[in-house]
PDB file of all heavy atoms in Angstrom:
ATOM      1  N   MET A   1       9.339  -0.656 -33.127  1.00  0.00           N
ATOM      2  CA  MET A   1       9.498  -0.758 -31.675  1.00  0.00           C
ATOM      3  C   MET A   1       9.965   0.586 -31.098  1.00  0.00           C
ATOM      4  O   MET A   1      11.150   0.792 -30.841  1.00  0.00           O
ATOM      5  CB  MET A   1      10.507  -1.851 -31.328  1.00  0.00           C
ATOM      6  CG  MET A   1      10.070  -3.241 -31.723  1.00  0.00           C
ATOM      7  SD  MET A   1       8.662  -3.809 -30.730  1.00  0.00           S
ATOM      8  CE  MET A   1       8.603  -5.541 -31.194  1.00  0.00           C
ATOM      9  N   THR A   2       9.026   1.485 -30.892  1.00  0.00           N
ATOM     10  CA  THR A   2       9.358   2.788 -30.298  1.00  0.00           C
ATOM     11  C   THR A   2       9.212   2.693 -28.781  1.00  0.00           C
ATOM     12  O   THR A   2       8.484   3.461 -28.153  1.00  0.00           O
ATOM     13  CB  THR A   2       8.463   3.903 -30.867  1.00  0.00           C
ATOM     14  OG1 THR A   2       7.097   3.498 -30.764  1.00  0.00           O
ATOM     15  CG2 THR A   2       8.791   4.192 -32.316  1.00  0.00           C
ATOM     16  N   THR A   3       9.928   1.740 -28.213  1.00  0.00           N
ATOM     17  CA  THR A   3       9.833   1.493 -26.775  1.00  0.00           C
ATOM     18  C   THR A   3      10.715   2.437 -25.974  1.00  0.00           C
ATOM     19  O   THR A   3      10.581   2.519 -24.745  1.00  0.00           O
ATOM     20  CB  THR A   3      10.236   0.042 -26.472  1.00  0.00           C
ATOM     21  OG1 THR A   3      11.472  -0.249 -27.139  1.00  0.00           O
ATOM     22  CG2 THR A   3       9.179  -0.932 -26.987  1.00  0.00           C
ATOM     23  N   GLY A   4      11.635   3.146 -26.631  1.00  0.00           N
ATOM     24  CA  GLY A   4      12.446   4.145 -25.959  1.00  0.00           C
ATOM     25  C   GLY A   4      13.567   3.541 -25.134  1.00  0.00           C
ATOM     26  O   GLY A   4      13.509   2.373 -24.729  1.00  0.00           O
ATOM     27  N   PRO A   5      14.594   4.340 -24.851  1.00  0.00           N
ATOM     28  CA  PRO A   5      15.729   3.838 -24.079  1.00  0.00           C
ATOM     29  C   PRO A   5      15.468   3.748 -22.581  1.00  0.00           C
ATOM     30  O   PRO A   5      16.207   3.089 -21.868  1.00  0.00           O
ATOM     31  CB  PRO A   5      16.828   4.859 -24.379  1.00  0.00           C
ATOM     32  CG  PRO A   5      16.098   6.122 -24.682  1.00  0.00           C
ATOM     33  CD  PRO A   5      14.822   5.705 -25.348  1.00  0.00           C
ATOM     34  N   LEU A   6      14.409   4.422 -22.079  1.00  0.00           N
ATOM     35  CA  LEU A   6      14.139   4.450 -20.644  1.00  0.00           C
ATOM     36  C   LEU A   6      12.679   4.104 -20.391  1.00  0.00           C
ATOM     37  O   LEU A   6      11.817   4.982 -20.331  1.00  0.00           O
ATOM     38  CB  LEU A   6      14.465   5.832 -20.060  1.00  0.00           C
ATOM     39  CG  LEU A   6      15.917   6.306 -20.198  1.00  0.00           C
ATOM     40  CD1 LEU A   6      16.057   7.742 -19.707  1.00  0.00           C
ATOM     41  CD2 LEU A   6      16.860   5.395 -19.435  1.00  0.00           C
ATOM     42  N   SER A   7      12.379   2.818 -20.247  1.00  0.00           N
ATOM     43  CA  SER A   7      10.983   2.452 -20.023  1.00  0.00           C
ATOM     44  C   SER A   7      10.785   1.234 -19.124  1.00  0.00           C
ATOM     45  O   SER A   7       9.656   0.923 -18.776  1.00  0.00           O
ATOM     46  CB  SER A   7      10.279   2.197 -21.373  1.00  0.00           C
ATOM     47  OG  SER A   7      10.941   1.200 -22.107  1.00  0.00           O
ATOM     48  N   ILE A   8      11.874   0.542 -18.746  1.00  0.00           N
ATOM     49  CA  ILE A   8      11.747  -0.620 -17.854  1.00  0.00           C
ATOM     50  C   ILE A   8      12.397  -0.276 -16.517  1.00  0.00           C
ATOM     51  O   ILE A   8      13.624  -0.268 -16.386  1.00  0.00           O
ATOM     52  CB  ILE A   8      12.414  -1.866 -18.469  1.00  0.00           C
ATOM     53  CG1 ILE A   8      11.766  -2.219 -19.805  1.00  0.00           C
ATOM     54  CG2 ILE A   8      12.330  -3.042 -17.507  1.00  0.00           C
ATOM     55  CD1 ILE A   8      10.293  -2.602 -19.701  1.00  0.00           C
ATOM     56  N   PRO A   9      11.581   0.067 -15.480  1.00  0.00           N
ATOM     57  CA  PRO A   9      12.141   0.466 -14.183  1.00  0.00           C
ATOM     58  C   PRO A   9      12.947  -0.649 -13.530  1.00  0.00           C
ATOM     59  O   PRO A   9      12.705  -1.837 -13.768  1.00  0.00           O
ATOM     60  CB  PRO A   9      10.901   0.800 -13.357  1.00  0.00           C
ATOM     61  CG  PRO A   9       9.803   1.022 -14.352  1.00  0.00           C
ATOM     62  CD  PRO A   9      10.114   0.128 -15.501  1.00  0.00           C
ATOM     63  N   LYS A  10      13.892  -0.248 -12.690  1.00  0.00           N
ATOM     64  CA  LYS A  10      14.742  -1.213 -12.006  1.00  0.00           C
ATOM     65  C   LYS A  10      14.815  -0.888 -10.518  1.00  0.00           C
ATOM     66  O   LYS A  10      15.131   0.239 -10.145  1.00  0.00           O
ATOM     67  CB  LYS A  10      16.147  -1.193 -12.611  1.00  0.00           C
ATOM     68  CG  LYS A  10      17.083  -2.208 -11.967  1.00  0.00           C
ATOM     69  CD  LYS A  10      18.513  -1.950 -12.347  1.00  0.00           C
ATOM     70  CE  LYS A  10      19.430  -2.862 -11.539  1.00  0.00           C
ATOM     71  NZ  LYS A  10      19.329  -2.594 -10.083  1.00  0.00           N
ATOM     72  N   ASP A  11      14.524  -1.872  -9.676  1.00  0.00           N
ATOM     73  CA  ASP A  11      14.679  -1.716  -8.230  1.00  0.00           C
ATOM     74  C   ASP A  11      16.143  -1.906  -7.848  1.00  0.00           C
ATOM     75  O   ASP A  11      16.904  -2.570  -8.557  1.00  0.00           O
ATOM     76  CB  ASP A  11      13.828  -2.749  -7.488  1.00  0.00           C
ATOM     77  CG  ASP A  11      12.369  -2.329  -7.388  1.00  0.00           C
ATOM     78  OD1 ASP A  11      12.057  -1.186  -7.753  1.00  0.00           O
ATOM     79  OD2 ASP A  11      11.548  -3.163  -6.959  1.00  0.00           O
ATOM     80  N   PRO A  12      16.556  -1.372  -6.699  1.00  0.00           N
ATOM     81  CA  PRO A  12      17.926  -1.611  -6.239  1.00  0.00           C
ATOM     82  C   PRO A  12      18.108  -3.057  -5.822  1.00  0.00           C
ATOM     83  O   PRO A  12      17.156  -3.737  -5.422  1.00  0.00           O
ATOM     84  CB  PRO A  12      18.057  -0.666  -5.042  1.00  0.00           C
ATOM     85  CG  PRO A  12      16.667  -0.480  -4.542  1.00  0.00           C
ATOM     86  CD  PRO A  12      15.794  -0.521  -5.759  1.00  0.00           C
ATOM     87  N   ASP A  13      19.352  -3.546  -5.931  1.00  0.00           N
ATOM     88  CA  ASP A  13      19.651  -4.924  -5.532  1.00  0.00           C
ATOM     89  C   ASP A  13      19.950  -4.963  -4.035  1.00  0.00           C
ATOM     90  O   ASP A  13      21.095  -5.105  -3.599  1.00  0.00           O
ATOM     91  CB  ASP A  13      20.848  -5.446  -6.340  1.00  0.00           C
ATOM     92  CG  ASP A  13      20.538  -5.545  -7.823  1.00  0.00           C
ATOM     93  OD1 ASP A  13      19.439  -6.001  -8.149  1.00  0.00           O
ATOM     94  OD2 ASP A  13      21.398  -5.153  -8.634  1.00  0.00           O
ATOM     95  N   ILE A  14      18.890  -4.816  -3.241  1.00  0.00           N
ATOM     96  CA  ILE A  14      19.008  -4.796  -1.782  1.00  0.00           C
ATOM     97  C   ILE A  14      17.993  -5.786  -1.220  1.00  0.00           C
ATOM     98  O   ILE A  14      16.811  -5.760  -1.609  1.00  0.00           O
ATOM     99  CB  ILE A  14      18.719  -3.387  -1.215  1.00  0.00           C
ATOM    100  CG1 ILE A  14      19.703  -2.364  -1.798  1.00  0.00           C
ATOM    101  CG2 ILE A  14      18.797  -3.380   0.301  1.00  0.00           C
ATOM    102  CD1 ILE A  14      19.368  -0.931  -1.444  1.00  0.00           C
ATOM    103  N   PRO A  15      18.381  -6.666  -0.324  1.00  0.00           N
ATOM    104  CA  PRO A  15      17.415  -7.625   0.238  1.00  0.00           C
ATOM    105  C   PRO A  15      16.394  -6.934   1.131  1.00  0.00           C
ATOM    106  O   PRO A  15      16.670  -5.902   1.743  1.00  0.00           O
ATOM    107  CB  PRO A  15      18.299  -8.578   1.055  1.00  0.00           C
ATOM    108  CG  PRO A  15      19.557  -7.811   1.336  1.00  0.00           C
ATOM    109  CD  PRO A  15      19.751  -6.894   0.182  1.00  0.00           C
ATOM    110  N   GLY A  16      15.193  -7.528   1.176  1.00  0.00           N
ATOM    111  CA  GLY A  16      14.177  -7.085   2.123  1.00  0.00           C
ATOM    112  C   GLY A  16      13.178  -6.078   1.601  1.00  0.00           C
ATOM    113  O   GLY A  16      12.376  -5.551   2.388  1.00  0.00           O
ATOM    114  N   ILE A  17      13.182  -5.796   0.307  1.00  0.00           N
ATOM    115  CA  ILE A  17      12.274  -4.768  -0.225  1.00  0.00           C
ATOM    116  C   ILE A  17      10.821  -5.077   0.129  1.00  0.00           C
ATOM    117  O   ILE A  17      10.055  -4.185   0.500  1.00  0.00           O
ATOM    118  CB  ILE A  17      12.455  -4.636  -1.750  1.00  0.00           C
ATOM    119  CG1 ILE A  17      13.821  -4.028  -2.077  1.00  0.00           C
ATOM    120  CG2 ILE A  17      11.343  -3.768  -2.355  1.00  0.00           C
ATOM    121  CD1 ILE A  17      14.142  -3.980  -3.555  1.00  0.00           C
ATOM    122  N   ASP A  18      10.454  -6.331   0.039  1.00  0.00           N
ATOM    123  CA  ASP A  18       9.057  -6.716   0.301  1.00  0.00           C
ATOM    124  C   ASP A  18       8.669  -6.623   1.772  1.00  0.00           C
ATOM    125  O   ASP A  18       7.488  -6.681   2.115  1.00  0.00           O
ATOM    126  CB  ASP A  18       8.799  -8.146  -0.190  1.00  0.00           C
ATOM    127  CG  ASP A  18       8.920  -8.263  -1.704  1.00  0.00           C
ATOM    128  OD1 ASP A  18       8.753  -7.241  -2.379  1.00  0.00           O
ATOM    129  OD2 ASP A  18       9.198  -9.380  -2.191  1.00  0.00           O
ATOM    130  N   LYS A  19       9.656  -6.466   2.647  1.00  0.00           N
ATOM    131  CA  LYS A  19       9.361  -6.408   4.083  1.00  0.00           C
ATOM    132  C   LYS A  19       8.829  -5.045   4.530  1.00  0.00           C
ATOM    133  O   LYS A  19       8.109  -4.959   5.531  1.00  0.00           O
ATOM    134  CB  LYS A  19      10.623  -6.723   4.894  1.00  0.00           C
ATOM    135  CG  LYS A  19      11.159  -8.134   4.731  1.00  0.00           C
ATOM    136  CD  LYS A  19      12.410  -8.300   5.586  1.00  0.00           C
ATOM    137  CE  LYS A  19      13.022  -9.685   5.434  1.00  0.00           C
ATOM    138  NZ  LYS A  19      14.271  -9.794   6.243  1.00  0.00           N
ATOM    139  N   PHE A  20       9.188  -3.992   3.835  1.00  0.00           N
ATOM    140  CA  PHE A  20       8.908  -2.635   4.303  1.00  0.00           C
ATOM    141  C   PHE A  20       7.403  -2.398   4.464  1.00  0.00           C
ATOM    142  O   PHE A  20       6.624  -2.621   3.532  1.00  0.00           O
ATOM    143  CB  PHE A  20       9.504  -1.625   3.332  1.00  0.00           C
ATOM    144  CG  PHE A  20       9.351  -0.193   3.770  1.00  0.00           C
ATOM    145  CD1 PHE A  20       9.906   0.249   4.961  1.00  0.00           C
ATOM    146  CD2 PHE A  20       8.643   0.716   2.984  1.00  0.00           C
ATOM    147  CE1 PHE A  20       9.780   1.566   5.359  1.00  0.00           C
ATOM    148  CE2 PHE A  20       8.509   2.038   3.377  1.00  0.00           C
ATOM    149  CZ  PHE A  20       9.072   2.469   4.568  1.00  0.00           C
ATOM    150  N   LYS A  21       7.008  -1.947   5.668  1.00  0.00           N
ATOM    151  CA  LYS A  21       5.593  -1.753   5.968  1.00  0.00           C
ATOM    152  C   LYS A  21       5.105  -0.328   5.710  1.00  0.00           C
ATOM    153  O   LYS A  21       3.905  -0.060   5.755  1.00  0.00           O
ATOM    154  CB  LYS A  21       5.331  -2.107   7.443  1.00  0.00           C
ATOM    155  CG  LYS A  21       5.645  -3.537   7.823  1.00  0.00           C
ATOM    156  CD  LYS A  21       4.762  -4.527   7.083  1.00  0.00           C
ATOM    157  CE  LYS A  21       5.001  -5.948   7.577  1.00  0.00           C
ATOM    158  NZ  LYS A  21       4.170  -6.931   6.831  1.00  0.00           N
ATOM    159  N   GLY A  22       6.033   0.590   5.456  1.00  0.00           N
ATOM    160  CA  GLY A  22       5.635   1.961   5.160  1.00  0.00           C
ATOM    161  C   GLY A  22       5.218   2.106   3.709  1.00  0.00           C
ATOM    162  O   GLY A  22       4.938   1.135   3.004  1.00  0.00           O
ATOM    163  N   LEU A  23       5.190   3.360   3.225  1.00  0.00           N
ATOM    164  CA  LEU A  23       4.805   3.648   1.848  1.00  0.00           C
ATOM    165  C   LEU A  23       6.045   3.568   0.961  1.00  0.00           C
ATOM    166  O   LEU A  23       6.987   4.336   1.137  1.00  0.00           O
ATOM    167  CB  LEU A  23       4.176   5.042   1.763  1.00  0.00           C
ATOM    168  CG  LEU A  23       3.768   5.528   0.360  1.00  0.00           C
ATOM    169  CD1 LEU A  23       2.716   4.600  -0.252  1.00  0.00           C
ATOM    170  CD2 LEU A  23       3.241   6.964   0.427  1.00  0.00           C
ATOM    171  N   LEU A  24       6.048   2.627   0.028  1.00  0.00           N
ATOM    172  CA  LEU A  24       7.161   2.465  -0.910  1.00  0.00           C
ATOM    173  C   LEU A  24       6.780   3.094  -2.249  1.00  0.00           C
ATOM    174  O   LEU A  24       5.770   2.729  -2.852  1.00  0.00           O
ATOM    175  CB  LEU A  24       7.488   0.989  -1.103  1.00  0.00           C
ATOM    176  CG  LEU A  24       8.601   0.665  -2.112  1.00  0.00           C
ATOM    177  CD1 LEU A  24       9.919   1.294  -1.698  1.00  0.00           C
ATOM    178  CD2 LEU A  24       8.752  -0.851  -2.279  1.00  0.00           C
ATOM    179  N   LEU A  25       7.583   4.050  -2.692  1.00  0.00           N
ATOM    180  CA  LEU A  25       7.306   4.768  -3.938  1.00  0.00           C
ATOM    181  C   LEU A  25       8.469   4.591  -4.908  1.00  0.00           C
ATOM    182  O   LEU A  25       9.636   4.646  -4.513  1.00  0.00           O
ATOM    183  CB  LEU A  25       7.110   6.264  -3.673  1.00  0.00           C
ATOM    184  CG  LEU A  25       5.964   6.644  -2.741  1.00  0.00           C
ATOM    185  CD1 LEU A  25       6.035   8.124  -2.390  1.00  0.00           C
ATOM    186  CD2 LEU A  25       4.623   6.329  -3.404  1.00  0.00           C
ATOM    187  N   ARG A  26       8.134   4.380  -6.162  1.00  0.00           N
ATOM    188  CA  ARG A  26       9.140   4.300  -7.222  1.00  0.00           C
ATOM    189  C   ARG A  26       8.976   5.515  -8.121  1.00  0.00           C
ATOM    190  O   ARG A  26       7.884   5.767  -8.634  1.00  0.00           O
ATOM    191  CB  ARG A  26       8.988   3.005  -8.016  1.00  0.00           C
ATOM    192  CG  ARG A  26       9.292   1.755  -7.199  1.00  0.00           C
ATOM    193  CD  ARG A  26       8.878   0.490  -7.923  1.00  0.00           C
ATOM    194  NE  ARG A  26       9.315  -0.715  -7.214  1.00  0.00           N
ATOM    195  CZ  ARG A  26       8.642  -1.295  -6.237  1.00  0.00           C
ATOM    196  NH1 ARG A  26       7.478  -0.774  -5.815  1.00  0.00           N
ATOM    197  NH2 ARG A  26       9.108  -2.389  -5.653  1.00  0.00           N
ATOM    198  N   ALA A  27      10.081   6.244  -8.331  1.00  0.00           N
ATOM    199  CA  ALA A  27       9.993   7.471  -9.129  1.00  0.00           C
ATOM    200  C   ALA A  27       9.457   7.194 -10.522  1.00  0.00           C
ATOM    201  O   ALA A  27       8.719   8.007 -11.083  1.00  0.00           O
ATOM    202  CB  ALA A  27      11.379   8.124  -9.215  1.00  0.00           C
ATOM    203  N   GLN A  28       9.795   6.024 -11.082  1.00  0.00           N
ATOM    204  CA  GLN A  28       9.428   5.737 -12.468  1.00  0.00           C
ATOM    205  C   GLN A  28       7.959   5.365 -12.642  1.00  0.00           C
ATOM    206  O   GLN A  28       7.450   5.372 -13.761  1.00  0.00           O
ATOM    207  CB  GLN A  28      10.299   4.588 -13.008  1.00  0.00           C
ATOM    208  CG  GLN A  28      11.790   4.803 -12.801  1.00  0.00           C
ATOM    209  CD  GLN A  28      12.279   4.138 -11.521  1.00  0.00           C
ATOM    210  OE1 GLN A  28      11.561   4.055 -10.518  1.00  0.00           O
ATOM    211  NE2 GLN A  28      13.515   3.648 -11.551  1.00  0.00           N
ATOM    212  N   THR A  29       7.290   4.998 -11.546  1.00  0.00           N
ATOM    213  CA  THR A  29       5.855   4.662 -11.607  1.00  0.00           C
ATOM    214  C   THR A  29       5.135   5.370 -10.468  1.00  0.00           C
ATOM    215  O   THR A  29       4.454   4.745  -9.667  1.00  0.00           O
ATOM    216  CB  THR A  29       5.640   3.132 -11.516  1.00  0.00           C
ATOM    217  OG1 THR A  29       6.322   2.638 -10.352  1.00  0.00           O
ATOM    218  CG2 THR A  29       6.193   2.429 -12.742  1.00  0.00           C
ATOM    219  N   TRP A  30       5.288   6.665 -10.407  1.00  0.00           N
ATOM    220  CA  TRP A  30       4.763   7.465  -9.302  1.00  0.00           C
ATOM    221  C   TRP A  30       3.237   7.496  -9.329  1.00  0.00           C
ATOM    222  O   TRP A  30       2.622   7.499 -10.402  1.00  0.00           O
ATOM    223  CB  TRP A  30       5.308   8.892  -9.413  1.00  0.00           C
ATOM    224  CG  TRP A  30       5.229   9.664  -8.130  1.00  0.00           C
ATOM    225  CD1 TRP A  30       4.239  10.535  -7.757  1.00  0.00           C
ATOM    226  CD2 TRP A  30       6.173   9.647  -7.049  1.00  0.00           C
ATOM    227  NE1 TRP A  30       4.508  11.053  -6.512  1.00  0.00           N
ATOM    228  CE2 TRP A  30       5.693  10.521  -6.050  1.00  0.00           C
ATOM    229  CE3 TRP A  30       7.363   8.974  -6.836  1.00  0.00           C
ATOM    230  CZ2 TRP A  30       6.370  10.747  -4.867  1.00  0.00           C
ATOM    231  CZ3 TRP A  30       8.046   9.188  -5.647  1.00  0.00           C
ATOM    232  CH2 TRP A  30       7.545  10.077  -4.685  1.00  0.00           C
ATOM    233  N   PRO A  31       2.595   7.524  -8.149  1.00  0.00           N
ATOM    234  CA  PRO A  31       1.133   7.596  -8.108  1.00  0.00           C
ATOM    235  C   PRO A  31       0.601   8.840  -8.821  1.00  0.00           C
ATOM    236  O   PRO A  31       1.264   9.878  -8.863  1.00  0.00           O
ATOM    237  CB  PRO A  31       0.818   7.666  -6.605  1.00  0.00           C
ATOM    238  CG  PRO A  31       2.042   7.145  -5.921  1.00  0.00           C
ATOM    239  CD  PRO A  31       3.195   7.495  -6.799  1.00  0.00           C
ATOM    240  N   HIS A  32      -0.582   8.720  -9.374  1.00  0.00           N
ATOM    241  CA  HIS A  32      -1.197   9.865 -10.047  1.00  0.00           C
ATOM    242  C   HIS A  32      -1.795  10.855  -9.048  1.00  0.00           C
ATOM    243  O   HIS A  32      -2.008  12.015  -9.391  1.00  0.00           O
ATOM    244  CB  HIS A  32      -2.277   9.383 -11.027  1.00  0.00           C
ATOM    245  CG  HIS A  32      -1.716   8.716 -12.240  1.00  0.00           C
ATOM    246  ND1 HIS A  32      -2.399   8.646 -13.439  1.00  0.00           N
ATOM    247  CD2 HIS A  32      -0.525   8.104 -12.459  1.00  0.00           C
ATOM    248  CE1 HIS A  32      -1.652   8.015 -14.324  1.00  0.00           C
ATOM    249  NE2 HIS A  32      -0.523   7.669 -13.749  1.00  0.00           N
ATOM    250  N   GLU A  33      -2.056  10.413  -7.831  1.00  0.00           N
ATOM    251  CA  GLU A  33      -2.609  11.305  -6.816  1.00  0.00           C
ATOM    252  C   GLU A  33      -1.457  11.915  -6.004  1.00  0.00           C
ATOM    253  O   GLU A  33      -0.375  11.340  -5.904  1.00  0.00           O
ATOM    254  CB  GLU A  33      -3.578  10.563  -5.895  1.00  0.00           C
ATOM    255  CG  GLU A  33      -2.957   9.412  -5.115  1.00  0.00           C
ATOM    256  CD  GLU A  33      -2.918   8.102  -5.887  1.00  0.00           C
ATOM    257  OE1 GLU A  33      -3.308   8.094  -7.079  1.00  0.00           O
ATOM    258  OE2 GLU A  33      -2.467   7.093  -5.295  1.00  0.00           O
ATOM    259  N   PRO A  34      -1.666  13.093  -5.416  1.00  0.00           N
ATOM    260  CA  PRO A  34      -0.601  13.765  -4.652  1.00  0.00           C
ATOM    261  C   PRO A  34      -0.162  12.939  -3.448  1.00  0.00           C
ATOM    262  O   PRO A  34      -0.945  12.198  -2.855  1.00  0.00           O
ATOM    263  CB  PRO A  34      -1.268  15.077  -4.214  1.00  0.00           C
ATOM    264  CG  PRO A  34      -2.412  15.278  -5.140  1.00  0.00           C
ATOM    265  CD  PRO A  34      -2.892  13.914  -5.511  1.00  0.00           C
ATOM    266  N   VAL A  35       1.116  13.074  -3.086  1.00  0.00           N
ATOM    267  CA  VAL A  35       1.690  12.410  -1.907  1.00  0.00           C
ATOM    268  C   VAL A  35       2.151  13.494  -0.944  1.00  0.00           C
ATOM    269  O   VAL A  35       2.865  14.412  -1.325  1.00  0.00           O
ATOM    270  CB  VAL A  35       2.878  11.512  -2.292  1.00  0.00           C
ATOM    271  CG1 VAL A  35       3.510  10.890  -1.044  1.00  0.00           C
ATOM    272  CG2 VAL A  35       2.434  10.423  -3.266  1.00  0.00           C
ATOM    273  N   SER A  36       1.722  13.399   0.323  1.00  0.00           N
ATOM    274  CA  SER A  36       2.129  14.378   1.332  1.00  0.00           C
ATOM    275  C   SER A  36       3.362  13.874   2.083  1.00  0.00           C
ATOM    276  O   SER A  36       3.411  12.722   2.529  1.00  0.00           O
ATOM    277  CB  SER A  36       0.992  14.615   2.328  1.00  0.00           C
ATOM    278  OG  SER A  36       1.437  15.453   3.388  1.00  0.00           O
ATOM    279  N   PHE A  37       4.350  14.760   2.224  1.00  0.00           N
ATOM    280  CA  PHE A  37       5.569  14.422   2.958  1.00  0.00           C
ATOM    281  C   PHE A  37       5.659  15.170   4.284  1.00  0.00           C
ATOM    282  O   PHE A  37       6.610  14.982   5.040  1.00  0.00           O
ATOM    283  CB  PHE A  37       6.794  14.755   2.105  1.00  0.00           C
ATOM    284  CG  PHE A  37       6.842  14.019   0.805  1.00  0.00           C
ATOM    285  CD1 PHE A  37       6.431  14.626  -0.377  1.00  0.00           C
ATOM    286  CD2 PHE A  37       7.281  12.712   0.752  1.00  0.00           C
ATOM    287  CE1 PHE A  37       6.472  13.944  -1.575  1.00  0.00           C
ATOM    288  CE2 PHE A  37       7.326  12.014  -0.437  1.00  0.00           C
ATOM    289  CZ  PHE A  37       6.911  12.636  -1.613  1.00  0.00           C
ATOM    290  N   GLU A  38       4.686  15.977   4.569  1.00  0.00           N
ATOM    291  CA  GLU A  38       4.722  16.827   5.760  1.00  0.00           C
ATOM    292  C   GLU A  38       4.809  15.973   7.026  1.00  0.00           C
ATOM    293  O   GLU A  38       3.991  15.080   7.265  1.00  0.00           O
ATOM    294  CB  GLU A  38       3.481  17.715   5.812  1.00  0.00           C
ATOM    295  CG  GLU A  38       3.530  18.743   6.922  1.00  0.00           C
ATOM    296  CD  GLU A  38       2.354  19.708   6.862  1.00  0.00           C
ATOM    297  OE1 GLU A  38       1.588  19.648   5.876  1.00  0.00           O
ATOM    298  OE2 GLU A  38       2.207  20.496   7.804  1.00  0.00           O
ATOM    299  N   GLY A  39       5.820  16.247   7.835  1.00  0.00           N
ATOM    300  CA  GLY A  39       6.006  15.536   9.089  1.00  0.00           C
ATOM    301  C   GLY A  39       6.473  14.108   8.943  1.00  0.00           C
ATOM    302  O   GLY A  39       6.592  13.389   9.942  1.00  0.00           O
ATOM    303  N   LYS A  40       6.792  13.667   7.735  1.00  0.00           N
ATOM    304  CA  LYS A  40       7.168  12.278   7.496  1.00  0.00           C
ATOM    305  C   LYS A  40       8.686  12.120   7.493  1.00  0.00           C
ATOM    306  O   LYS A  40       9.429  13.014   7.107  1.00  0.00           O
ATOM    307  CB  LYS A  40       6.610  11.798   6.143  1.00  0.00           C
ATOM    308  CG  LYS A  40       5.110  11.935   5.988  1.00  0.00           C
ATOM    309  CD  LYS A  40       4.344  10.996   6.916  1.00  0.00           C
ATOM    310  CE  LYS A  40       2.840  11.049   6.616  1.00  0.00           C
ATOM    311  NZ  LYS A  40       2.068  10.172   7.524  1.00  0.00           N
ATOM    312  N   ARG A  41       9.097  10.918   7.919  1.00  0.00           N
ATOM    313  CA  ARG A  41      10.503  10.536   7.789  1.00  0.00           C
ATOM    314  C   ARG A  41      10.653   9.798   6.465  1.00  0.00           C
ATOM    315  O   ARG A  41      10.100   8.710   6.279  1.00  0.00           O
ATOM    316  CB  ARG A  41      10.923   9.642   8.963  1.00  0.00           C
ATOM    317  CG  ARG A  41      10.972  10.384  10.293  1.00  0.00           C
ATOM    318  CD  ARG A  41      11.143   9.418  11.463  1.00  0.00           C
ATOM    319  NE  ARG A  41      12.346   8.600  11.367  1.00  0.00           N
ATOM    320  CZ  ARG A  41      13.533   8.967  11.854  1.00  0.00           C
ATOM    321  NH1 ARG A  41      13.687  10.124  12.466  1.00  0.00           N
ATOM    322  NH2 ARG A  41      14.573   8.156  11.748  1.00  0.00           N
ATOM    323  N   VAL A  42      11.404  10.412   5.549  1.00  0.00           N
ATOM    324  CA  VAL A  42      11.486   9.916   4.174  1.00  0.00           C
ATOM    325  C   VAL A  42      12.910   9.455   3.880  1.00  0.00           C
ATOM    326  O   VAL A  42      13.886  10.134   4.220  1.00  0.00           O
ATOM    327  CB  VAL A  42      11.084  11.013   3.165  1.00  0.00           C
ATOM    328  CG1 VAL A  42      11.127  10.469   1.732  1.00  0.00           C
ATOM    329  CG2 VAL A  42       9.698  11.554   3.493  1.00  0.00           C
TER     330      VAL A  42
END
């Protein structure tokens, strides 16, 4: 079992995560395509 010590991502324990209508990104499963932050409120 070479599953490693860091391989199961964890979301914060905050209500309402599914409500957010903007772009939700998780550092541990980041998109393979580039993400632009120019002019965005992050």
